Amino acid sequence: MGIGRRIRAAIEAQGLTLKQAAEKSGIPYSSLQNWAGGHRDPRPDALIGLGSQLGISIDWLLSGEGEMLRRNATAHPDQDERAEYGMPPPERVLLELYRSLDEDGQRAVETVALEKKRLRDIEMQLKELAAAVAALNRSP
């Protein structure tokens, strides 16, 4: 089985269409279609991007040996992979959604998250001030 067939098999194993995989990975649909059809081989950087965004083992894509999906791999996962798999499922889902956004979308999410943190910090400060005022009012 060539690399194109392995790419197609890994995408199908995740229940994705080529179009969905292209959107999720940020790789142009036409490129993915050419690779999966065996018309062209992906460049190394594109292969790494495809593997990292879709959770496909690069070793498996190149050689056909080992586990297809990194989530199932047990031998020597890299540091980022270990960190992601140690995350609770809601955090992994959020990270996957964030990664699926374009740069503007990611920036918008970051802005909202920073604003939410700022508001939470202000609420904490207000509670501390209210407690301090209450303590001052109680003192003789």
N, C-alpha and C. Protein backbone atom coordinates (compact mmCIF):
# COMPACT_ATOMS: atom_id res chain seq x y z
N MET A 1 0.85 -1.18 0.00
CA MET A 1 0.00 0.00 0.00
C MET A 1 0.89 1.23 0.00
N GLY A 2 0.65 2.15 -0.92
CA GLY A 2 1.42 3.37 -1.00
C GLY A 2 0.95 4.43 -0.03
N ILE A 3 1.69 5.51 0.01
CA ILE A 3 1.38 6.58 0.97
C ILE A 3 0.00 7.18 0.70
N GLY A 4 -0.38 7.29 -0.55
CA GLY A 4 -1.70 7.83 -0.89
C GLY A 4 -2.82 6.98 -0.32
N ARG A 5 -2.68 5.68 -0.47
CA ARG A 5 -3.70 4.78 0.09
C ARG A 5 -3.72 4.82 1.62
N ARG A 6 -2.53 4.97 2.22
CA ARG A 6 -2.48 5.08 3.68
C ARG A 6 -3.14 6.37 4.15
N ILE A 7 -2.92 7.46 3.43
CA ILE A 7 -3.58 8.72 3.79
C ILE A 7 -5.09 8.54 3.73
N ARG A 8 -5.57 7.98 2.65
CA ARG A 8 -7.02 7.77 2.50
C ARG A 8 -7.54 6.84 3.59
N ALA A 9 -6.82 5.77 3.88
CA ALA A 9 -7.26 4.81 4.91
C ALA A 9 -7.33 5.47 6.28
N ALA A 10 -6.34 6.29 6.61
CA ALA A 10 -6.32 6.95 7.92
C ALA A 10 -7.46 7.95 8.05
N ILE A 11 -7.76 8.64 6.97
CA ILE A 11 -8.87 9.60 6.99
C ILE A 11 -10.19 8.86 7.14
N GLU A 12 -10.36 7.81 6.38
CA GLU A 12 -11.60 7.03 6.46
C GLU A 12 -11.75 6.35 7.81
N ALA A 13 -10.64 5.92 8.40
CA ALA A 13 -10.69 5.26 9.72
C ALA A 13 -11.23 6.21 10.79
N GLN A 14 -11.09 7.49 10.56
CA GLN A 14 -11.59 8.48 11.51
C GLN A 14 -13.00 8.95 11.16
N GLY A 15 -13.57 8.35 10.11
CA GLY A 15 -14.92 8.70 9.71
C GLY A 15 -15.02 10.05 9.03
N LEU A 16 -13.92 10.50 8.45
CA LEU A 16 -13.89 11.80 7.78
C LEU A 16 -13.92 11.63 6.27
N THR A 17 -14.47 12.61 5.59
CA THR A 17 -14.34 12.69 4.14
C THR A 17 -13.04 13.43 3.85
N LEU A 18 -12.60 13.39 2.61
CA LEU A 18 -11.39 14.15 2.24
C LEU A 18 -11.61 15.64 2.49
N LYS A 19 -12.80 16.12 2.19
CA LYS A 19 -13.08 17.54 2.40
C LYS A 19 -13.01 17.90 3.88
N GLN A 20 -13.59 17.06 4.74
CA GLN A 20 -13.54 17.32 6.18
C GLN A 20 -12.10 17.27 6.69
N ALA A 21 -11.34 16.30 6.20
CA ALA A 21 -9.94 16.19 6.61
C ALA A 21 -9.14 17.40 6.16
N ALA A 22 -9.43 17.90 4.97
CA ALA A 22 -8.74 19.10 4.47
C ALA A 22 -9.05 20.30 5.35
N GLU A 23 -10.32 20.45 5.71
CA GLU A 23 -10.71 21.58 6.58
C GLU A 23 -10.06 21.46 7.95
N LYS A 24 -10.09 20.26 8.51
CA LYS A 24 -9.55 20.04 9.85
C LYS A 24 -8.04 20.22 9.90
N SER A 25 -7.37 19.83 8.83
CA SER A 25 -5.90 19.90 8.82
C SER A 25 -5.36 21.20 8.26
N GLY A 26 -6.21 21.97 7.57
CA GLY A 26 -5.75 23.21 6.96
C GLY A 26 -4.98 22.99 5.66
N ILE A 27 -5.09 21.80 5.12
CA ILE A 27 -4.42 21.47 3.86
C ILE A 27 -5.43 21.65 2.73
N PRO A 28 -5.03 22.26 1.62
CA PRO A 28 -5.97 22.44 0.52
C PRO A 28 -6.57 21.10 0.07
N TYR A 29 -7.86 21.12 -0.19
CA TYR A 29 -8.57 19.92 -0.60
C TYR A 29 -7.94 19.29 -1.84
N SER A 30 -7.56 20.12 -2.82
CA SER A 30 -6.98 19.58 -4.05
C SER A 30 -5.67 18.84 -3.78
N SER A 31 -4.87 19.36 -2.84
CA SER A 31 -3.62 18.67 -2.49
C SER A 31 -3.92 17.32 -1.86
N LEU A 32 -4.83 17.33 -0.91
CA LEU A 32 -5.19 16.08 -0.23
C LEU A 32 -5.77 15.07 -1.21
N GLN A 33 -6.57 15.56 -2.14
CA GLN A 33 -7.16 14.70 -3.15
C GLN A 33 -6.07 14.08 -4.04
N ASN A 34 -5.08 14.89 -4.42
CA ASN A 34 -3.97 14.37 -5.24
C ASN A 34 -3.16 13.33 -4.49
N TRP A 35 -2.91 13.57 -3.19
CA TRP A 35 -2.13 12.61 -2.40
C TRP A 35 -2.90 11.31 -2.22
N ALA A 36 -4.16 11.44 -1.81
CA ALA A 36 -4.97 10.25 -1.53
C ALA A 36 -5.22 9.45 -2.80
N GLY A 37 -5.23 10.12 -3.94
CA GLY A 37 -5.43 9.43 -5.21
C GLY A 37 -4.14 8.85 -5.78
N GLY A 38 -3.02 9.10 -5.11
CA GLY A 38 -1.75 8.58 -5.57
C GLY A 38 -1.16 9.34 -6.74
N HIS A 39 -1.69 10.53 -7.03
CA HIS A 39 -1.20 11.33 -8.16
C HIS A 39 0.07 12.09 -7.80
N ARG A 40 0.22 12.41 -6.52
CA ARG A 40 1.39 13.14 -6.04
C ARG A 40 1.70 12.67 -4.64
N ASP A 41 2.97 12.83 -4.25
CA ASP A 41 3.38 12.55 -2.87
C ASP A 41 3.47 13.87 -2.12
N PRO A 42 3.03 13.87 -0.86
CA PRO A 42 3.11 15.11 -0.08
C PRO A 42 4.55 15.46 0.27
N ARG A 43 4.81 16.76 0.41
CA ARG A 43 6.11 17.22 0.90
C ARG A 43 6.22 16.81 2.36
N PRO A 44 7.43 16.67 2.87
CA PRO A 44 7.60 16.27 4.28
C PRO A 44 6.88 17.18 5.27
N ASP A 45 6.94 18.51 5.06
CA ASP A 45 6.28 19.42 6.00
C ASP A 45 4.76 19.27 5.94
N ALA A 46 4.22 19.01 4.76
CA ALA A 46 2.78 18.80 4.63
C ALA A 46 2.36 17.50 5.29
N LEU A 47 3.20 16.49 5.16
CA LEU A 47 2.93 15.20 5.78
C LEU A 47 2.93 15.32 7.31
N ILE A 48 3.87 16.08 7.83
CA ILE A 48 3.93 16.31 9.28
C ILE A 48 2.68 17.07 9.73
N GLY A 49 2.29 18.08 8.97
CA GLY A 49 1.09 18.84 9.31
C GLY A 49 -0.15 17.97 9.29
N LEU A 50 -0.27 17.15 8.28
CA LEU A 50 -1.41 16.25 8.17
C LEU A 50 -1.44 15.30 9.36
N GLY A 51 -0.31 14.72 9.67
CA GLY A 51 -0.23 13.78 10.79
C GLY A 51 -0.55 14.44 12.11
N SER A 52 -0.01 15.62 12.34
CA SER A 52 -0.22 16.27 13.64
C SER A 52 -1.65 16.77 13.79
N GLN A 53 -2.24 17.28 12.74
CA GLN A 53 -3.60 17.81 12.84
C GLN A 53 -4.66 16.72 12.89
N LEU A 54 -4.39 15.58 12.27
CA LEU A 54 -5.38 14.50 12.25
C LEU A 54 -5.03 13.35 13.18
N GLY A 55 -3.91 13.46 13.88
CA GLY A 55 -3.54 12.41 14.83
C GLY A 55 -3.09 11.12 14.17
N ILE A 56 -2.51 11.24 12.99
CA ILE A 56 -2.04 10.07 12.25
C ILE A 56 -0.55 9.90 12.50
N SER A 57 -0.13 8.68 12.73
CA SER A 57 1.29 8.40 12.96
C SER A 57 2.08 8.63 11.67
N ILE A 58 3.09 9.48 11.75
CA ILE A 58 3.94 9.75 10.59
C ILE A 58 4.69 8.48 10.18
N ASP A 59 5.14 7.72 11.16
CA ASP A 59 5.82 6.45 10.86
C ASP A 59 4.92 5.55 10.03
N TRP A 60 3.66 5.47 10.44
CA TRP A 60 2.72 4.61 9.71
C TRP A 60 2.48 5.14 8.30
N LEU A 61 2.34 6.46 8.18
CA LEU A 61 2.12 7.02 6.84
C LEU A 61 3.29 6.71 5.91
N LEU A 62 4.50 6.80 6.45
CA LEU A 62 5.68 6.58 5.61
C LEU A 62 5.95 5.11 5.32
N SER A 63 5.74 4.27 6.33
CA SER A 63 6.16 2.87 6.17
C SER A 63 5.01 1.86 6.15
N GLY A 64 3.88 2.25 6.68
CA GLY A 64 2.78 1.29 6.81
C GLY A 64 2.95 0.39 8.01
N GLU A 65 3.94 0.65 8.85
CA GLU A 65 4.19 -0.19 10.02
C GLU A 65 3.80 0.54 11.29
N GLY A 66 3.38 -0.22 12.29
CA GLY A 66 2.98 0.35 13.57
C GLY A 66 1.52 0.74 13.57
N GLU A 67 1.16 1.53 14.55
CA GLU A 67 -0.22 1.97 14.71
C GLU A 67 -0.53 3.10 13.73
N MET A 68 -1.72 3.07 13.19
CA MET A 68 -2.15 4.09 12.23
C MET A 68 -2.36 5.43 12.93
N LEU A 69 -3.11 5.42 14.01
CA LEU A 69 -3.46 6.66 14.70
C LEU A 69 -2.62 6.82 15.94
N ARG A 70 -2.13 8.02 16.16
CA ARG A 70 -1.28 8.27 17.32
C ARG A 70 -2.02 8.06 18.62
N ARG A 71 -3.29 8.26 18.66
CA ARG A 71 -4.05 8.07 19.89
C ARG A 71 -3.92 6.64 20.40
N ASN A 72 -3.70 5.73 19.48
CA ASN A 72 -3.57 4.33 19.85
C ASN A 72 -2.12 3.90 20.04
N ALA A 73 -1.20 4.78 19.67
CA ALA A 73 0.21 4.42 19.75
C ALA A 73 0.65 4.38 21.21
N THR A 74 1.45 3.40 21.54
CA THR A 74 1.94 3.28 22.90
C THR A 74 3.44 3.45 22.97
N ALA A 75 4.14 3.36 21.86
CA ALA A 75 5.59 3.41 21.90
C ALA A 75 6.11 4.81 21.66
N HIS A 76 6.72 5.38 22.67
CA HIS A 76 7.44 6.65 22.59
C HIS A 76 6.64 7.81 22.01
N PRO A 77 5.49 8.17 22.57
CA PRO A 77 4.81 9.36 22.07
C PRO A 77 5.64 10.59 22.39
N ASP A 78 5.56 11.61 21.53
CA ASP A 78 6.33 12.82 21.82
C ASP A 78 5.70 13.60 22.96
N GLN A 79 6.39 14.63 23.42
CA GLN A 79 5.96 15.37 24.61
C GLN A 79 4.58 16.00 24.42
N ASP A 80 4.34 16.64 23.27
CA ASP A 80 3.04 17.28 23.04
C ASP A 80 1.93 16.25 23.03
N GLU A 81 2.20 15.10 22.42
CA GLU A 81 1.19 14.06 22.36
C GLU A 81 0.85 13.56 23.76
N ARG A 82 1.86 13.34 24.61
CA ARG A 82 1.61 12.89 25.98
C ARG A 82 0.77 13.92 26.72
N ALA A 83 1.09 15.19 26.53
CA ALA A 83 0.35 16.25 27.21
C ALA A 83 -1.09 16.27 26.76
N GLU A 84 -1.34 16.14 25.46
CA GLU A 84 -2.71 16.16 24.96
C GLU A 84 -3.51 14.98 25.46
N TYR A 85 -2.93 13.80 25.49
CA TYR A 85 -3.70 12.64 25.89
C TYR A 85 -3.93 12.60 27.39
N GLY A 86 -3.19 13.41 28.14
CA GLY A 86 -3.43 13.52 29.56
C GLY A 86 -4.53 14.52 29.88
N MET A 87 -5.00 15.24 28.87
CA MET A 87 -6.04 16.24 29.06
C MET A 87 -7.40 15.58 29.23
N PRO A 88 -8.24 16.20 30.04
CA PRO A 88 -9.63 15.72 30.09
C PRO A 88 -10.28 15.90 28.72
N PRO A 89 -11.24 15.04 28.37
CA PRO A 89 -11.87 15.12 27.04
C PRO A 89 -12.40 16.50 26.67
N PRO A 90 -13.06 17.25 27.59
CA PRO A 90 -13.54 18.57 27.16
C PRO A 90 -12.41 19.51 26.73
N GLU A 91 -11.25 19.40 27.37
CA GLU A 91 -10.12 20.24 26.98
C GLU A 91 -9.58 19.82 25.61
N ARG A 92 -9.53 18.52 25.36
CA ARG A 92 -9.07 18.04 24.04
C ARG A 92 -10.00 18.53 22.95
N VAL A 93 -11.32 18.47 23.20
CA VAL A 93 -12.29 18.92 22.21
C VAL A 93 -12.10 20.41 21.93
N LEU A 94 -11.92 21.18 23.00
CA LEU A 94 -11.71 22.61 22.84
C LEU A 94 -10.43 22.90 22.05
N LEU A 95 -9.37 22.16 22.35
CA LEU A 95 -8.11 22.34 21.62
C LEU A 95 -8.27 21.98 20.15
N GLU A 96 -8.98 20.90 19.86
CA GLU A 96 -9.22 20.51 18.47
C GLU A 96 -10.03 21.58 17.74
N LEU A 97 -11.05 22.11 18.41
CA LEU A 97 -11.85 23.17 17.79
C LEU A 97 -11.00 24.39 17.52
N TYR A 98 -10.18 24.78 18.49
CA TYR A 98 -9.29 25.93 18.34
C TYR A 98 -8.36 25.73 17.15
N ARG A 99 -7.78 24.55 17.06
CA ARG A 99 -6.83 24.26 15.97
C ARG A 99 -7.52 24.25 14.61
N SER A 100 -8.81 23.97 14.58
CA SER A 100 -9.52 23.93 13.30
C SER A 100 -9.84 25.32 12.77
N LEU A 101 -9.69 26.35 13.60
CA LEU A 101 -10.01 27.71 13.19
C LEU A 101 -8.86 28.34 12.40
N ASP A 102 -9.22 29.31 11.57
CA ASP A 102 -8.17 30.06 10.90
C ASP A 102 -7.56 31.05 11.89
N GLU A 103 -6.57 31.79 11.46
CA GLU A 103 -5.84 32.68 12.36
C GLU A 103 -6.75 33.73 13.00
N ASP A 104 -7.68 34.29 12.22
CA ASP A 104 -8.61 35.29 12.77
C ASP A 104 -9.52 34.66 13.83
N GLY A 105 -9.99 33.46 13.56
CA GLY A 105 -10.84 32.78 14.53
C GLY A 105 -10.10 32.47 15.81
N GLN A 106 -8.85 32.04 15.69
CA GLN A 106 -8.05 31.76 16.88
C GLN A 106 -7.82 33.03 17.68
N ARG A 107 -7.55 34.12 16.99
CA ARG A 107 -7.33 35.39 17.67
C ARG A 107 -8.60 35.83 18.41
N ALA A 108 -9.77 35.62 17.79
CA ALA A 108 -11.04 35.98 18.43
C ALA A 108 -11.26 35.15 19.70
N VAL A 109 -10.95 33.85 19.64
CA VAL A 109 -11.09 32.99 20.82
C VAL A 109 -10.15 33.46 21.92
N GLU A 110 -8.91 33.79 21.56
CA GLU A 110 -7.95 34.27 22.55
C GLU A 110 -8.43 35.56 23.19
N THR A 111 -8.98 36.47 22.39
CA THR A 111 -9.48 37.74 22.91
C THR A 111 -10.61 37.51 23.92
N VAL A 112 -11.54 36.66 23.56
CA VAL A 112 -12.67 36.37 24.46
C VAL A 112 -12.17 35.70 25.74
N ALA A 113 -11.24 34.77 25.62
CA ALA A 113 -10.72 34.08 26.81
C ALA A 113 -9.98 35.05 27.72
N LEU A 114 -9.19 35.94 27.15
CA LEU A 114 -8.48 36.94 27.97
C LEU A 114 -9.46 37.88 28.65
N GLU A 115 -10.51 38.27 27.95
CA GLU A 115 -11.53 39.15 28.54
C GLU A 115 -12.24 38.43 29.68
N LYS A 116 -12.57 37.17 29.49
CA LYS A 116 -13.22 36.38 30.54
C LYS A 116 -12.31 36.29 31.77
N LYS A 117 -11.03 36.06 31.56
CA LYS A 117 -10.08 35.99 32.68
C LYS A 117 -10.00 37.35 33.39
N ARG A 118 -9.95 38.42 32.61
CA ARG A 118 -9.88 39.76 33.20
C ARG A 118 -11.12 40.03 34.06
N LEU A 119 -12.30 39.67 33.56
CA LEU A 119 -13.53 39.86 34.33
C LEU A 119 -13.54 39.02 35.60
N ARG A 120 -13.04 37.80 35.50
CA ARG A 120 -12.96 36.93 36.68
C ARG A 120 -12.02 37.53 37.72
N ASP A 121 -10.89 38.06 37.27
CA ASP A 121 -9.95 38.70 38.19
C ASP A 121 -10.57 39.92 38.87
N ILE A 122 -11.33 40.71 38.11
CA ILE A 122 -11.99 41.89 38.68
C ILE A 122 -13.03 41.45 39.72
N GLU A 123 -13.77 40.39 39.42
CA GLU A 123 -14.75 39.88 40.39
C GLU A 123 -14.07 39.45 41.68
N MET A 124 -12.93 38.79 41.56
CA MET A 124 -12.20 38.37 42.76
C MET A 124 -11.73 39.58 43.56
N GLN A 125 -11.24 40.59 42.88
CA GLN A 125 -10.79 41.80 43.57
C GLN A 125 -11.96 42.50 44.27
N LEU A 126 -13.12 42.52 43.61
CA LEU A 126 -14.30 43.13 44.23
C LEU A 126 -14.73 42.38 45.49
N LYS A 127 -14.66 41.05 45.44
CA LYS A 127 -14.99 40.25 46.62
C LYS A 127 -14.02 40.54 47.76
N GLU A 128 -12.74 40.63 47.42
CA GLU A 128 -11.74 40.95 48.45
C GLU A 128 -11.97 42.34 49.03
N LEU A 129 -12.29 43.31 48.18
CA LEU A 129 -12.58 44.66 48.67
C LEU A 129 -13.83 44.69 49.54
N ALA A 130 -14.85 43.96 49.12
CA ALA A 130 -16.09 43.91 49.91
C ALA A 130 -15.82 43.29 51.27
N ALA A 131 -15.00 42.26 51.31
CA ALA A 131 -14.66 41.63 52.59
C ALA A 131 -13.86 42.60 53.46
N ALA A 132 -12.95 43.35 52.86
CA ALA A 132 -12.16 44.32 53.62
C ALA A 132 -13.04 45.44 54.16
N VAL A 133 -13.97 45.93 53.34
CA VAL A 133 -14.89 46.98 53.81
C VAL A 133 -15.77 46.45 54.95
N ALA A 134 -16.25 45.24 54.80
CA ALA A 134 -17.09 44.63 55.85
C ALA A 134 -16.28 44.51 57.14
N ALA A 135 -15.03 44.12 57.04
CA ALA A 135 -14.19 43.99 58.22
C ALA A 135 -13.95 45.36 58.88
N LEU A 136 -13.76 46.38 58.07
CA LEU A 136 -13.58 47.73 58.60
C LEU A 136 -14.85 48.24 59.29
N ASN A 137 -15.99 47.92 58.73
CA ASN A 137 -17.26 48.36 59.32
C ASN A 137 -17.54 47.66 60.66
N ARG A 138 -17.01 46.46 60.82
CA ARG A 138 -17.21 45.72 62.07
C ARG A 138 -16.27 46.18 63.17
N SER A 139 -15.14 46.73 62.80
CA SER A 139 -14.16 47.12 63.82
C SER A 139 -14.62 48.41 64.53
N PRO A 140 -14.27 48.54 65.87
CA PRO A 140 -14.73 49.70 66.65
C PRO A 140 -14.05 50.98 66.29
